[in-house]
Amino acid sequence: MESYRLSDWCRLIGIPVEVRKDFELVRSGVVDDAMEDSSALWIAADASGGRALFAAGYEVWIRPRELEGRLCYKMAAALRPLPAGAAGRA
């Protein structure tokens, strides 16, 4: 699945993400909290490590994921940026 980079971190609370720096994966996990101005976010503690803080300079990526049941895929669709020129289309 294709990944999508997002810069509005405060909208990612509760969503699984990948944190990258210079194209390298630094940490993956669920966003525990984020600053409203997207200057920092916290990844929840899990088997990979404790709760971690990431500030500006890191990139945060999301990707669709497979679910059980009638829904095949879920993505934080409201967070996905609109394609260029799509603003204003119904």
N, C-alpha and C. Protein backbone atom coordinates (compact mmCIF):
# COMPACT_ATOMS: atom_id res chain seq x y z
N MET A 1 0.83 -1.19 0.00
CA MET A 1 0.00 0.00 0.00
C MET A 1 0.87 1.25 0.00
N GLU A 2 0.39 2.24 -0.68
CA GLU A 2 1.09 3.51 -0.75
C GLU A 2 0.93 4.27 0.57
N SER A 3 1.99 4.91 1.02
CA SER A 3 1.95 5.73 2.24
C SER A 3 1.70 7.18 1.88
N TYR A 4 1.18 7.93 2.85
CA TYR A 4 0.89 9.34 2.65
C TYR A 4 1.50 10.14 3.79
N ARG A 5 2.26 11.16 3.43
CA ARG A 5 2.89 12.03 4.43
C ARG A 5 1.89 13.09 4.86
N LEU A 6 1.79 13.31 6.16
CA LEU A 6 0.87 14.31 6.69
C LEU A 6 1.61 15.28 7.59
N SER A 7 1.24 16.54 7.49
CA SER A 7 1.89 17.56 8.31
C SER A 7 0.98 18.09 9.41
N ASP A 8 -0.31 17.76 9.37
CA ASP A 8 -1.26 18.21 10.39
C ASP A 8 -1.33 17.14 11.48
N TRP A 9 -0.30 17.09 12.32
CA TRP A 9 -0.13 16.01 13.28
C TRP A 9 -1.24 15.92 14.31
N CYS A 10 -1.86 17.02 14.66
CA CYS A 10 -2.89 16.98 15.71
C CYS A 10 -4.11 16.18 15.27
N ARG A 11 -4.28 15.92 14.00
CA ARG A 11 -5.40 15.13 13.49
C ARG A 11 -5.09 13.64 13.46
N LEU A 12 -3.91 13.25 13.91
CA LEU A 12 -3.48 11.85 13.84
C LEU A 12 -3.62 11.08 15.15
N ILE A 13 -4.17 11.69 16.17
CA ILE A 13 -4.27 11.03 17.47
C ILE A 13 -5.10 9.75 17.34
N GLY A 14 -4.51 8.64 17.80
CA GLY A 14 -5.17 7.35 17.73
C GLY A 14 -4.92 6.58 16.45
N ILE A 15 -4.13 7.13 15.55
CA ILE A 15 -3.89 6.50 14.24
C ILE A 15 -2.49 5.91 14.19
N PRO A 16 -2.35 4.69 13.66
CA PRO A 16 -1.01 4.11 13.48
C PRO A 16 -0.24 4.89 12.42
N VAL A 17 1.01 5.22 12.72
CA VAL A 17 1.83 6.01 11.80
C VAL A 17 3.25 5.46 11.75
N GLU A 18 4.01 5.96 10.79
CA GLU A 18 5.46 5.75 10.73
C GLU A 18 6.12 7.11 10.87
N VAL A 19 7.12 7.20 11.73
CA VAL A 19 7.89 8.42 11.90
C VAL A 19 9.21 8.22 11.15
N ARG A 20 9.53 9.16 10.26
CA ARG A 20 10.74 9.04 9.45
C ARG A 20 11.60 10.29 9.58
N LYS A 21 12.90 10.08 9.41
CA LYS A 21 13.87 11.19 9.41
C LYS A 21 14.86 10.89 8.30
N ASP A 22 15.04 11.82 7.39
CA ASP A 22 15.95 11.64 6.26
C ASP A 22 15.68 10.32 5.52
N PHE A 23 14.39 10.07 5.25
CA PHE A 23 13.93 8.90 4.48
C PHE A 23 14.09 7.57 5.22
N GLU A 24 14.52 7.59 6.47
CA GLU A 24 14.71 6.37 7.25
C GLU A 24 13.61 6.24 8.29
N LEU A 25 13.07 5.03 8.45
CA LEU A 25 12.07 4.77 9.48
C LEU A 25 12.73 4.85 10.85
N VAL A 26 12.17 5.69 11.71
CA VAL A 26 12.70 5.88 13.06
C VAL A 26 11.87 5.08 14.06
N ARG A 27 10.56 5.13 13.90
CA ARG A 27 9.65 4.45 14.83
C ARG A 27 8.28 4.34 14.18
N SER A 28 7.58 3.30 14.48
CA SER A 28 6.19 3.18 14.07
C SER A 28 5.37 2.94 15.32
N GLY A 29 4.12 3.35 15.29
CA GLY A 29 3.26 3.17 16.44
C GLY A 29 2.02 4.03 16.32
N VAL A 30 1.27 4.07 17.39
CA VAL A 30 0.03 4.84 17.43
C VAL A 30 0.30 6.20 18.07
N VAL A 31 -0.23 7.26 17.44
CA VAL A 31 -0.05 8.61 17.98
C VAL A 31 -0.87 8.72 19.26
N ASP A 32 -0.19 9.04 20.35
CA ASP A 32 -0.82 9.17 21.66
C ASP A 32 -1.36 10.58 21.87
N ASP A 33 -0.61 11.56 21.41
CA ASP A 33 -1.01 12.96 21.56
C ASP A 33 -0.17 13.80 20.61
N ALA A 34 -0.63 15.02 20.34
CA ALA A 34 0.10 15.92 19.45
C ALA A 34 -0.23 17.36 19.79
N MET A 35 0.71 18.24 19.54
CA MET A 35 0.50 19.67 19.73
C MET A 35 -0.43 20.18 18.64
N GLU A 36 -1.28 21.14 18.99
CA GLU A 36 -2.23 21.68 18.01
C GLU A 36 -1.54 22.32 16.82
N ASP A 37 -0.34 22.87 17.03
CA ASP A 37 0.37 23.54 15.93
C ASP A 37 1.28 22.57 15.17
N SER A 38 1.16 21.26 15.45
CA SER A 38 1.95 20.22 14.78
C SER A 38 3.45 20.38 14.99
N SER A 39 3.83 20.96 16.12
CA SER A 39 5.26 21.13 16.40
C SER A 39 5.86 19.89 17.07
N ALA A 40 5.00 19.02 17.61
CA ALA A 40 5.48 17.80 18.26
C ALA A 40 4.35 16.80 18.37
N LEU A 41 4.74 15.51 18.45
CA LEU A 41 3.75 14.46 18.71
C LEU A 41 4.40 13.37 19.54
N TRP A 42 3.56 12.59 20.21
CA TRP A 42 4.01 11.50 21.05
C TRP A 42 3.49 10.19 20.47
N ILE A 43 4.38 9.22 20.38
CA ILE A 43 4.00 7.87 19.99
C ILE A 43 3.81 7.09 21.29
N ALA A 44 2.70 6.35 21.39
CA ALA A 44 2.39 5.59 22.60
C ALA A 44 3.41 4.48 22.83
N ALA A 45 3.61 4.14 24.08
CA ALA A 45 4.50 3.04 24.44
C ALA A 45 3.93 1.73 23.90
N ASP A 46 4.81 0.85 23.43
CA ASP A 46 4.42 -0.47 22.96
C ASP A 46 5.62 -1.39 23.08
N ALA A 47 5.57 -2.54 22.42
CA ALA A 47 6.68 -3.50 22.51
C ALA A 47 7.97 -2.95 21.92
N SER A 48 7.87 -1.93 21.04
CA SER A 48 9.05 -1.34 20.41
C SER A 48 9.79 -0.38 21.33
N GLY A 49 9.11 0.10 22.36
CA GLY A 49 9.76 1.05 23.26
C GLY A 49 8.76 1.86 24.05
N GLY A 50 9.28 2.75 24.86
CA GLY A 50 8.44 3.61 25.69
C GLY A 50 7.80 4.71 24.87
N ARG A 51 7.02 5.52 25.55
CA ARG A 51 6.39 6.67 24.91
C ARG A 51 7.50 7.57 24.39
N ALA A 52 7.35 8.05 23.15
CA ALA A 52 8.43 8.82 22.53
C ALA A 52 7.90 10.13 21.96
N LEU A 53 8.68 11.18 22.11
CA LEU A 53 8.35 12.50 21.61
C LEU A 53 9.13 12.77 20.33
N PHE A 54 8.44 13.27 19.31
CA PHE A 54 9.09 13.66 18.06
C PHE A 54 8.68 15.09 17.74
N ALA A 55 9.65 15.92 17.38
CA ALA A 55 9.39 17.33 17.10
C ALA A 55 9.59 17.61 15.62
N ALA A 56 9.41 18.87 15.26
CA ALA A 56 9.60 19.29 13.88
C ALA A 56 10.94 18.79 13.37
N GLY A 57 10.99 18.43 12.09
CA GLY A 57 12.19 17.84 11.52
C GLY A 57 11.96 16.38 11.17
N TYR A 58 10.97 15.78 11.81
CA TYR A 58 10.57 14.41 11.49
C TYR A 58 9.37 14.47 10.55
N GLU A 59 9.16 13.41 9.80
CA GLU A 59 8.00 13.30 8.94
C GLU A 59 7.11 12.19 9.47
N VAL A 60 5.80 12.36 9.34
CA VAL A 60 4.85 11.36 9.81
C VAL A 60 4.05 10.87 8.61
N TRP A 61 3.99 9.55 8.45
CA TRP A 61 3.34 8.91 7.30
C TRP A 61 2.26 7.95 7.79
N ILE A 62 1.15 7.87 7.03
CA ILE A 62 0.10 6.89 7.30
C ILE A 62 -0.10 6.07 6.04
N ARG A 63 -0.72 4.90 6.21
CA ARG A 63 -1.04 4.04 5.07
C ARG A 63 -2.36 3.33 5.34
N PRO A 64 -3.07 2.97 4.28
CA PRO A 64 -4.29 2.18 4.48
C PRO A 64 -3.92 0.85 5.13
N ARG A 65 -4.86 0.28 5.86
CA ARG A 65 -4.60 -1.01 6.49
C ARG A 65 -5.82 -1.91 6.35
N GLU A 66 -5.56 -3.18 6.29
CA GLU A 66 -6.64 -4.15 6.11
C GLU A 66 -7.38 -4.37 7.42
N LEU A 67 -8.70 -4.46 7.31
CA LEU A 67 -9.55 -4.70 8.47
C LEU A 67 -10.33 -5.99 8.27
N GLU A 68 -10.89 -6.49 9.33
CA GLU A 68 -11.76 -7.66 9.25
C GLU A 68 -13.17 -7.20 8.93
N GLY A 69 -14.00 -8.14 8.51
CA GLY A 69 -15.42 -7.84 8.28
C GLY A 69 -15.69 -7.28 6.90
N ARG A 70 -16.81 -6.57 6.80
CA ARG A 70 -17.26 -6.07 5.51
C ARG A 70 -16.34 -4.99 4.94
N LEU A 71 -15.70 -4.25 5.81
CA LEU A 71 -14.78 -3.22 5.32
C LEU A 71 -13.44 -3.86 5.02
N CYS A 72 -12.92 -3.63 3.84
CA CYS A 72 -11.63 -4.22 3.46
C CYS A 72 -10.46 -3.34 3.87
N TYR A 73 -10.60 -2.03 3.72
CA TYR A 73 -9.51 -1.13 4.04
C TYR A 73 -10.04 0.10 4.74
N LYS A 74 -9.21 0.62 5.60
CA LYS A 74 -9.55 1.85 6.28
C LYS A 74 -8.37 2.79 6.17
N MET A 75 -8.66 4.04 5.98
CA MET A 75 -7.60 5.04 5.96
C MET A 75 -8.18 6.28 6.61
N ALA A 76 -7.36 7.03 7.21
CA ALA A 76 -7.81 8.30 7.77
C ALA A 76 -8.09 9.22 6.59
N ALA A 77 -9.16 8.91 5.86
CA ALA A 77 -9.47 9.58 4.60
C ALA A 77 -9.63 11.09 4.77
N ALA A 78 -10.18 11.49 5.90
CA ALA A 78 -10.35 12.92 6.11
C ALA A 78 -9.01 13.63 6.24
N LEU A 79 -7.96 12.89 6.51
CA LEU A 79 -6.64 13.47 6.68
C LEU A 79 -5.86 13.53 5.38
N ARG A 80 -6.27 12.72 4.40
CA ARG A 80 -5.53 12.67 3.15
C ARG A 80 -5.65 13.99 2.41
N PRO A 81 -4.53 14.55 1.96
CA PRO A 81 -4.59 15.83 1.25
C PRO A 81 -5.31 15.67 -0.07
N LEU A 82 -6.04 16.72 -0.47
CA LEU A 82 -6.72 16.71 -1.75
C LEU A 82 -5.70 16.84 -2.88
N PRO A 83 -5.96 16.20 -4.03
CA PRO A 83 -5.08 16.37 -5.18
C PRO A 83 -5.10 17.82 -5.65
N ALA A 84 -4.04 18.25 -6.27
CA ALA A 84 -3.97 19.63 -6.78
C ALA A 84 -5.15 19.89 -7.70
N GLY A 85 -5.81 21.01 -7.52
CA GLY A 85 -6.93 21.39 -8.36
C GLY A 85 -8.25 20.80 -7.92
N ALA A 86 -8.28 20.02 -6.87
CA ALA A 86 -9.52 19.37 -6.43
C ALA A 86 -10.33 20.26 -5.50
N ALA A 87 -9.73 21.28 -4.95
CA ALA A 87 -10.45 22.16 -4.04
C ALA A 87 -11.64 22.78 -4.74
N GLY A 88 -12.77 22.78 -4.09
CA GLY A 88 -13.96 23.39 -4.67
C GLY A 88 -14.81 22.43 -5.48
N ARG A 89 -14.29 21.23 -5.80
CA ARG A 89 -15.09 20.25 -6.54
C ARG A 89 -16.03 19.55 -5.58
N ALA A 90 -17.20 19.23 -6.05
CA ALA A 90 -18.17 18.52 -5.19
C ALA A 90 -18.05 17.05 -5.37
